[in-house]
Amino acid sequence: MNDIDDYIGDDDNFREKIRRDCILEEHKNKMTKQEYLLQFFTYDHLPENLQILSAPFKQIADMMIEKLPRNPERIAGLRKLLEAKDCFVRAGIFKD
């Protein structure tokens, strides 16, 4: 037995809870790494007329993260999507 087993003893419910907590924490860490670019797709800080332009890009980014595995091409695509979003938002505030 190791130190954890000595501490837990025969409490299988506690052992299962720890196992689930570890899996959940691992999942959260993985998702955080995968979704770091999403912070740049937020739009609630923008005026309403620019939120309308920005919101679809957030929806697309969310969908791509959900549907595609994390790899260099997905990251490149998200970066290009972010660049396009920024261009359209700037177009919305452009003055002649």
C-alpha atoms as a PDB file:
ATOM      1  CA  MET A   1       0.000   0.000   0.000  1.00  0.00           C
ATOM      2  CA  ASN A   2       1.070   3.573  -0.595  1.00  0.00           C
ATOM      3  CA  ASP A   3       0.401   6.624   1.580  1.00  0.00           C
ATOM      4  CA  ILE A   4      -2.889   7.425  -0.160  1.00  0.00           C
ATOM      5  CA  ASP A   5      -4.182   3.891   0.360  1.00  0.00           C
ATOM      6  CA  ASP A   6      -3.209   4.108   4.034  1.00  0.00           C
ATOM      7  CA  TYR A   7      -5.120   7.375   4.333  1.00  0.00           C
ATOM      8  CA  ILE A   8      -8.200   6.238   2.394  1.00  0.00           C
ATOM      9  CA  GLY A   9      -8.317   2.733   3.716  1.00  0.00           C
ATOM     10  CA  ASP A  10     -11.141   0.640   2.282  1.00  0.00           C
ATOM     11  CA  ASP A  11     -13.489   3.524   1.499  1.00  0.00           C
ATOM     12  CA  ASP A  12     -14.321   2.733  -2.150  1.00  0.00           C
ATOM     13  CA  ASN A  13     -16.729   5.672  -2.431  1.00  0.00           C
ATOM     14  CA  PHE A  14     -14.003   8.097  -1.418  1.00  0.00           C
ATOM     15  CA  ARG A  15     -11.559   6.405  -3.777  1.00  0.00           C
ATOM     16  CA  GLU A  16     -14.077   6.729  -6.652  1.00  0.00           C
ATOM     17  CA  LYS A  17     -14.666  10.408  -5.844  1.00  0.00           C
ATOM     18  CA  ILE A  18     -10.927  11.094  -5.952  1.00  0.00           C
ATOM     19  CA  ARG A  19     -10.661   9.234  -9.261  1.00  0.00           C
ATOM     20  CA  ARG A  20     -13.538  11.278 -10.751  1.00  0.00           C
ATOM     21  CA  ASP A  21     -12.046  14.513  -9.424  1.00  0.00           C
ATOM     22  CA  CYS A  22      -8.686  13.680 -11.024  1.00  0.00           C
ATOM     23  CA  ILE A  23     -10.327  12.880 -14.365  1.00  0.00           C
ATOM     24  CA  LEU A  24     -12.345  16.114 -14.212  1.00  0.00           C
ATOM     25  CA  GLU A  25      -9.249  18.168 -13.386  1.00  0.00           C
ATOM     26  CA  GLU A  26      -7.328  16.539 -16.253  1.00  0.00           C
ATOM     27  CA  HIS A  27     -10.231  17.306 -18.617  1.00  0.00           C
ATOM     28  CA  LYS A  28     -10.343  20.945 -17.465  1.00  0.00           C
ATOM     29  CA  ASN A  29      -6.605  21.318 -18.025  1.00  0.00           C
ATOM     30  CA  LYS A  30      -6.881  19.786 -21.492  1.00  0.00           C
ATOM     31  CA  MET A  31      -9.811  22.010 -22.451  1.00  0.00           C
ATOM     32  CA  THR A  32      -8.030  25.119 -21.161  1.00  0.00           C
ATOM     33  CA  LYS A  33      -5.050  24.345 -23.375  1.00  0.00           C
ATOM     34  CA  GLN A  34      -7.312  23.713 -26.366  1.00  0.00           C
ATOM     35  CA  GLU A  35      -9.383  26.835 -25.972  1.00  0.00           C
ATOM     36  CA  TYR A  36      -6.839  29.529 -25.168  1.00  0.00           C
ATOM     37  CA  LEU A  37      -7.619  31.391 -28.402  1.00  0.00           C
ATOM     38  CA  LEU A  38     -11.299  31.681 -27.472  1.00  0.00           C
ATOM     39  CA  GLN A  39     -10.498  34.552 -25.115  1.00  0.00           C
ATOM     40  CA  PHE A  40      -9.979  36.714 -28.185  1.00  0.00           C
ATOM     41  CA  PHE A  41     -13.412  35.914 -29.614  1.00  0.00           C
ATOM     42  CA  THR A  42     -15.351  37.491 -26.736  1.00  0.00           C
ATOM     43  CA  TYR A  43     -17.540  40.385 -27.768  1.00  0.00           C
ATOM     44  CA  ASP A  44     -19.584  41.458 -24.742  1.00  0.00           C
ATOM     45  CA  HIS A  45     -17.228  44.418 -24.237  1.00  0.00           C
ATOM     46  CA  LEU A  46     -18.092  45.799 -27.692  1.00  0.00           C
ATOM     47  CA  PRO A  47     -20.920  48.204 -28.532  1.00  0.00           C
ATOM     48  CA  GLU A  48     -24.049  46.421 -29.750  1.00  0.00           C
ATOM     49  CA  ASN A  49     -23.501  47.313 -33.424  1.00  0.00           C
ATOM     50  CA  LEU A  50     -20.070  45.633 -33.280  1.00  0.00           C
ATOM     51  CA  GLN A  51     -21.291  42.677 -31.224  1.00  0.00           C
ATOM     52  CA  ILE A  52     -23.570  41.790 -34.132  1.00  0.00           C
ATOM     53  CA  LEU A  53     -20.524  41.642 -36.406  1.00  0.00           C
ATOM     54  CA  SER A  54     -18.345  39.712 -33.942  1.00  0.00           C
ATOM     55  CA  ALA A  55     -20.790  37.121 -32.552  1.00  0.00           C
ATOM     56  CA  PRO A  56     -20.846  34.789 -35.587  1.00  0.00           C
ATOM     57  CA  PHE A  57     -17.063  34.401 -35.386  1.00  0.00           C
ATOM     58  CA  LYS A  58     -17.321  33.216 -31.780  1.00  0.00           C
ATOM     59  CA  GLN A  59     -19.962  30.679 -32.817  1.00  0.00           C
ATOM     60  CA  ILE A  60     -17.750  29.376 -35.616  1.00  0.00           C
ATOM     61  CA  ALA A  61     -14.709  29.197 -33.317  1.00  0.00           C
ATOM     62  CA  ASP A  62     -16.720  27.238 -30.722  1.00  0.00           C
ATOM     63  CA  MET A  63     -17.945  24.834 -33.395  1.00  0.00           C
ATOM     64  CA  MET A  64     -14.455  24.241 -34.798  1.00  0.00           C
ATOM     65  CA  ILE A  65     -13.071  23.523 -31.336  1.00  0.00           C
ATOM     66  CA  GLU A  66     -15.920  21.115 -30.675  1.00  0.00           C
ATOM     67  CA  LYS A  67     -15.692  19.292 -34.013  1.00  0.00           C
ATOM     68  CA  LEU A  68     -11.957  19.210 -34.750  1.00  0.00           C
ATOM     69  CA  PRO A  69      -9.040  17.732 -32.834  1.00  0.00           C
ATOM     70  CA  ARG A  70      -6.421  20.142 -31.557  1.00  0.00           C
ATOM     71  CA  ASN A  71      -3.620  20.293 -34.098  1.00  0.00           C
ATOM     72  CA  PRO A  72      -1.555  22.948 -35.877  1.00  0.00           C
ATOM     73  CA  GLU A  73      -4.109  23.359 -38.669  1.00  0.00           C
ATOM     74  CA  ARG A  74      -6.992  23.983 -36.256  1.00  0.00           C
ATOM     75  CA  ILE A  75      -4.904  26.577 -34.426  1.00  0.00           C
ATOM     76  CA  ALA A  76      -3.939  28.225 -37.738  1.00  0.00           C
ATOM     77  CA  GLY A  77      -7.596  28.268 -38.781  1.00  0.00           C
ATOM     78  CA  LEU A  78      -8.641  29.859 -35.497  1.00  0.00           C
ATOM     79  CA  ARG A  79      -5.930  32.484 -35.866  1.00  0.00           C
ATOM     80  CA  LYS A  80      -7.093  33.312 -39.399  1.00  0.00           C
ATOM     81  CA  LEU A  81     -10.715  33.422 -38.209  1.00  0.00           C
ATOM     82  CA  LEU A  82      -9.635  35.800 -35.449  1.00  0.00           C
ATOM     83  CA  GLU A  83      -7.831  37.962 -37.981  1.00  0.00           C
ATOM     84  CA  ALA A  84     -10.953  38.069 -40.179  1.00  0.00           C
ATOM     85  CA  LYS A  85     -13.132  38.950 -37.174  1.00  0.00           C
ATOM     86  CA  ASP A  86     -10.787  41.791 -36.247  1.00  0.00           C
ATOM     87  CA  CYS A  87     -10.876  43.106 -39.826  1.00  0.00           C
ATOM     88  CA  PHE A  88     -14.677  43.120 -39.929  1.00  0.00           C
ATOM     89  CA  VAL A  89     -14.934  44.820 -36.538  1.00  0.00           C
ATOM     90  CA  ARG A  90     -12.481  47.484 -37.703  1.00  0.00           C
ATOM     91  CA  ALA A  91     -14.518  47.848 -40.907  1.00  0.00           C
ATOM     92  CA  GLY A  92     -17.532  48.537 -38.684  1.00  0.00           C
ATOM     93  CA  ILE A  93     -15.795  51.522 -37.082  1.00  0.00           C
ATOM     94  CA  PHE A  94     -14.010  52.742 -40.217  1.00  0.00           C
ATOM     95  CA  LYS A  95     -14.342  56.448 -40.939  1.00  0.00           C
ATOM     96  CA  ASP A  96     -13.691  57.957 -44.367  1.00  0.00           C
END
